[in-house]
Amino acid sequence: LDCARNPGGLSLLAQWVAEHWRGRRVFLVMGMLADKDHRQGIRLLAEQAFRFYAVPPPSPRALPADQTAAQAAEVCSRVTACAAVGEALELALAELESRDALLVCGSIPLVGEARQILTGRLHKLTN
């Protein structure tokens, strides 16, 4: 989970993914706010993704998932637009294997929602 949401932060995150997750399939769930400078960051991270899930953050300022998906599809061949972060996580987790990596990034509300969902799933598995 990473709240990178501006060009500098997204560039650093893309660099980190390239360095530390080289050789892994990266499943990326990303949602941005429309009023942020998102184009370059979406492309940089989509280049690192094996599979990219575009989602709208829970905000009235959300960039629609289809617009995020269109930008990601310029550099990633496996792009899916989802209605919500929960849908994207279900799709990603269904395909994720032990050596794969899951990255959720973008707007703070989106990352917070993903954290709640994933924490809930983990809690169910451990009880």
Protein backbone atom coordinates (compact mmCIF):
# COMPACT_ATOMS: atom_id res chain seq x y z
CA LEU A 1 0.00 0.00 0.00
CA ASP A 2 1.41 3.37 -1.00
CA CYS A 3 -0.14 6.83 -1.04
CA ALA A 4 2.08 8.10 -3.86
CA ARG A 5 -0.15 10.42 -5.85
CA ASN A 6 2.00 13.16 -7.38
CA PRO A 7 4.57 12.89 -10.21
CA GLY A 8 7.60 12.80 -7.90
CA GLY A 9 6.17 10.20 -5.53
CA LEU A 10 4.83 8.03 -8.34
CA SER A 11 8.17 8.17 -10.14
CA LEU A 12 10.01 7.05 -7.00
CA LEU A 13 7.48 4.27 -6.43
CA ALA A 14 7.87 3.04 -10.03
CA GLN A 15 11.65 3.04 -9.59
CA TRP A 16 11.35 1.09 -6.32
CA VAL A 17 9.07 -1.49 -7.95
CA ALA A 18 11.51 -1.92 -10.85
CA GLU A 19 14.44 -2.43 -8.48
CA HIS A 20 12.87 -4.56 -5.78
CA TRP A 21 10.23 -6.60 -7.59
CA ARG A 22 12.18 -7.40 -10.74
CA GLY A 23 11.16 -10.83 -12.03
CA ARG A 24 7.83 -10.81 -10.19
CA ARG A 25 4.40 -10.36 -11.65
CA VAL A 26 3.09 -7.10 -10.24
CA PHE A 27 -0.66 -6.76 -9.82
CA LEU A 28 -1.38 -3.06 -9.55
CA VAL A 29 -4.56 -1.48 -8.22
CA MET A 30 -4.53 2.26 -8.80
CA GLY A 31 -6.92 5.16 -8.49
CA MET A 32 -6.22 8.86 -8.79
CA LEU A 33 -8.02 12.15 -8.28
CA ALA A 34 -8.88 14.00 -11.48
CA ASP A 35 -7.43 17.28 -10.23
CA LYS A 36 -3.95 15.81 -9.67
CA ASP A 37 -1.15 15.53 -12.25
CA HIS A 38 -1.73 11.82 -12.87
CA ARG A 39 -0.85 11.01 -16.50
CA GLN A 40 2.90 10.42 -16.13
CA GLY A 41 2.51 8.48 -12.87
CA ILE A 42 -0.13 6.15 -14.26
CA ARG A 43 2.08 5.38 -17.26
CA LEU A 44 5.23 4.84 -15.16
CA LEU A 45 3.52 2.37 -12.86
CA ALA A 46 1.52 0.66 -15.60
CA GLU A 47 4.84 -0.11 -17.31
CA GLN A 48 5.79 -2.13 -14.23
CA ALA A 49 2.48 -3.99 -14.02
CA PHE A 50 1.73 -7.51 -15.16
CA ARG A 51 -1.93 -6.68 -14.59
CA PHE A 52 -3.35 -3.20 -13.95
CA TYR A 53 -6.70 -2.58 -12.24
CA ALA A 54 -8.03 0.95 -12.59
CA VAL A 55 -10.44 2.07 -9.89
CA PRO A 56 -12.12 5.33 -8.95
CA PRO A 57 -11.10 6.53 -5.49
CA PRO A 58 -13.95 7.10 -3.05
CA SER A 59 -14.07 10.86 -3.70
CA PRO A 60 -16.22 13.27 -5.71
CA ARG A 61 -12.94 14.34 -7.36
CA ALA A 62 -12.16 10.82 -8.60
CA LEU A 63 -10.65 10.23 -12.01
CA PRO A 64 -13.09 7.75 -13.62
CA ALA A 65 -11.73 4.21 -13.85
CA ASP A 66 -12.16 4.12 -17.63
CA GLN A 67 -9.90 7.16 -18.01
CA THR A 68 -7.26 5.67 -15.74
CA ALA A 69 -7.54 2.39 -17.67
CA ALA A 70 -7.14 4.13 -21.03
CA GLN A 71 -3.93 5.80 -19.88
CA ALA A 72 -2.56 2.55 -18.45
CA ALA A 73 -3.47 0.62 -21.63
CA GLU A 74 -0.99 2.75 -23.57
CA VAL A 75 1.85 0.79 -21.90
CA CYS A 76 0.24 -2.30 -20.31
CA SER A 77 -1.67 -4.95 -22.23
CA ARG A 78 -3.62 -6.36 -19.25
CA VAL A 79 -5.82 -3.54 -17.98
CA THR A 80 -9.21 -3.80 -16.29
CA ALA A 81 -11.45 -0.93 -15.21
CA CYS A 82 -13.30 -1.75 -11.98
CA ALA A 83 -16.20 -0.04 -10.26
CA ALA A 84 -14.53 -0.10 -6.83
CA VAL A 85 -11.35 -1.09 -5.04
CA GLY A 86 -13.03 -4.16 -3.53
CA GLU A 87 -13.77 -5.54 -6.99
CA ALA A 88 -10.18 -4.94 -8.12
CA LEU A 89 -8.75 -6.63 -5.04
CA GLU A 90 -11.00 -9.68 -5.51
CA LEU A 91 -9.86 -10.04 -9.13
CA ALA A 92 -6.19 -9.60 -8.24
CA LEU A 93 -6.25 -11.92 -5.25
CA ALA A 94 -7.95 -14.64 -7.29
CA GLU A 95 -4.99 -14.74 -9.67
CA LEU A 96 -2.12 -13.87 -7.34
CA GLU A 97 0.51 -16.56 -6.78
CA SER A 98 3.10 -16.80 -3.99
CA ARG A 99 5.94 -15.00 -5.86
CA ASP A 100 3.68 -12.27 -7.21
CA ALA A 101 3.38 -8.78 -5.75
CA LEU A 102 0.25 -6.75 -5.09
CA LEU A 103 0.53 -2.96 -5.05
CA VAL A 104 -2.30 -0.59 -4.24
CA CYS A 105 -1.49 3.06 -4.79
CA GLY A 106 -2.88 6.46 -5.58
CA SER A 107 -5.23 8.59 -3.56
CA ILE A 108 -5.16 8.40 0.21
CA PRO A 109 -8.88 7.46 0.53
CA LEU A 110 -8.39 4.63 -1.98
CA VAL A 111 -5.39 3.22 -0.12
CA GLY A 112 -7.27 3.53 3.17
CA GLU A 113 -10.24 1.61 1.79
CA ALA A 114 -7.95 -1.10 0.40
CA ARG A 115 -6.20 -1.37 3.76
CA GLN A 116 -9.53 -1.92 5.52
CA ILE A 117 -10.54 -4.63 3.04
CA LEU A 118 -7.20 -6.44 3.17
CA THR A 119 -6.97 -6.21 6.96
CA GLY A 120 -10.46 -7.67 7.23
CA ARG A 121 -9.53 -10.57 4.94
CA LEU A 122 -6.34 -11.23 6.91
CA HIS A 123 -8.25 -11.15 10.19
CA LYS A 124 -10.71 -13.76 8.87
CA LEU A 125 -7.83 -16.01 7.77
CA THR A 126 -6.10 -15.89 11.14
CA ASN A 127 -9.17 -16.54 13.27
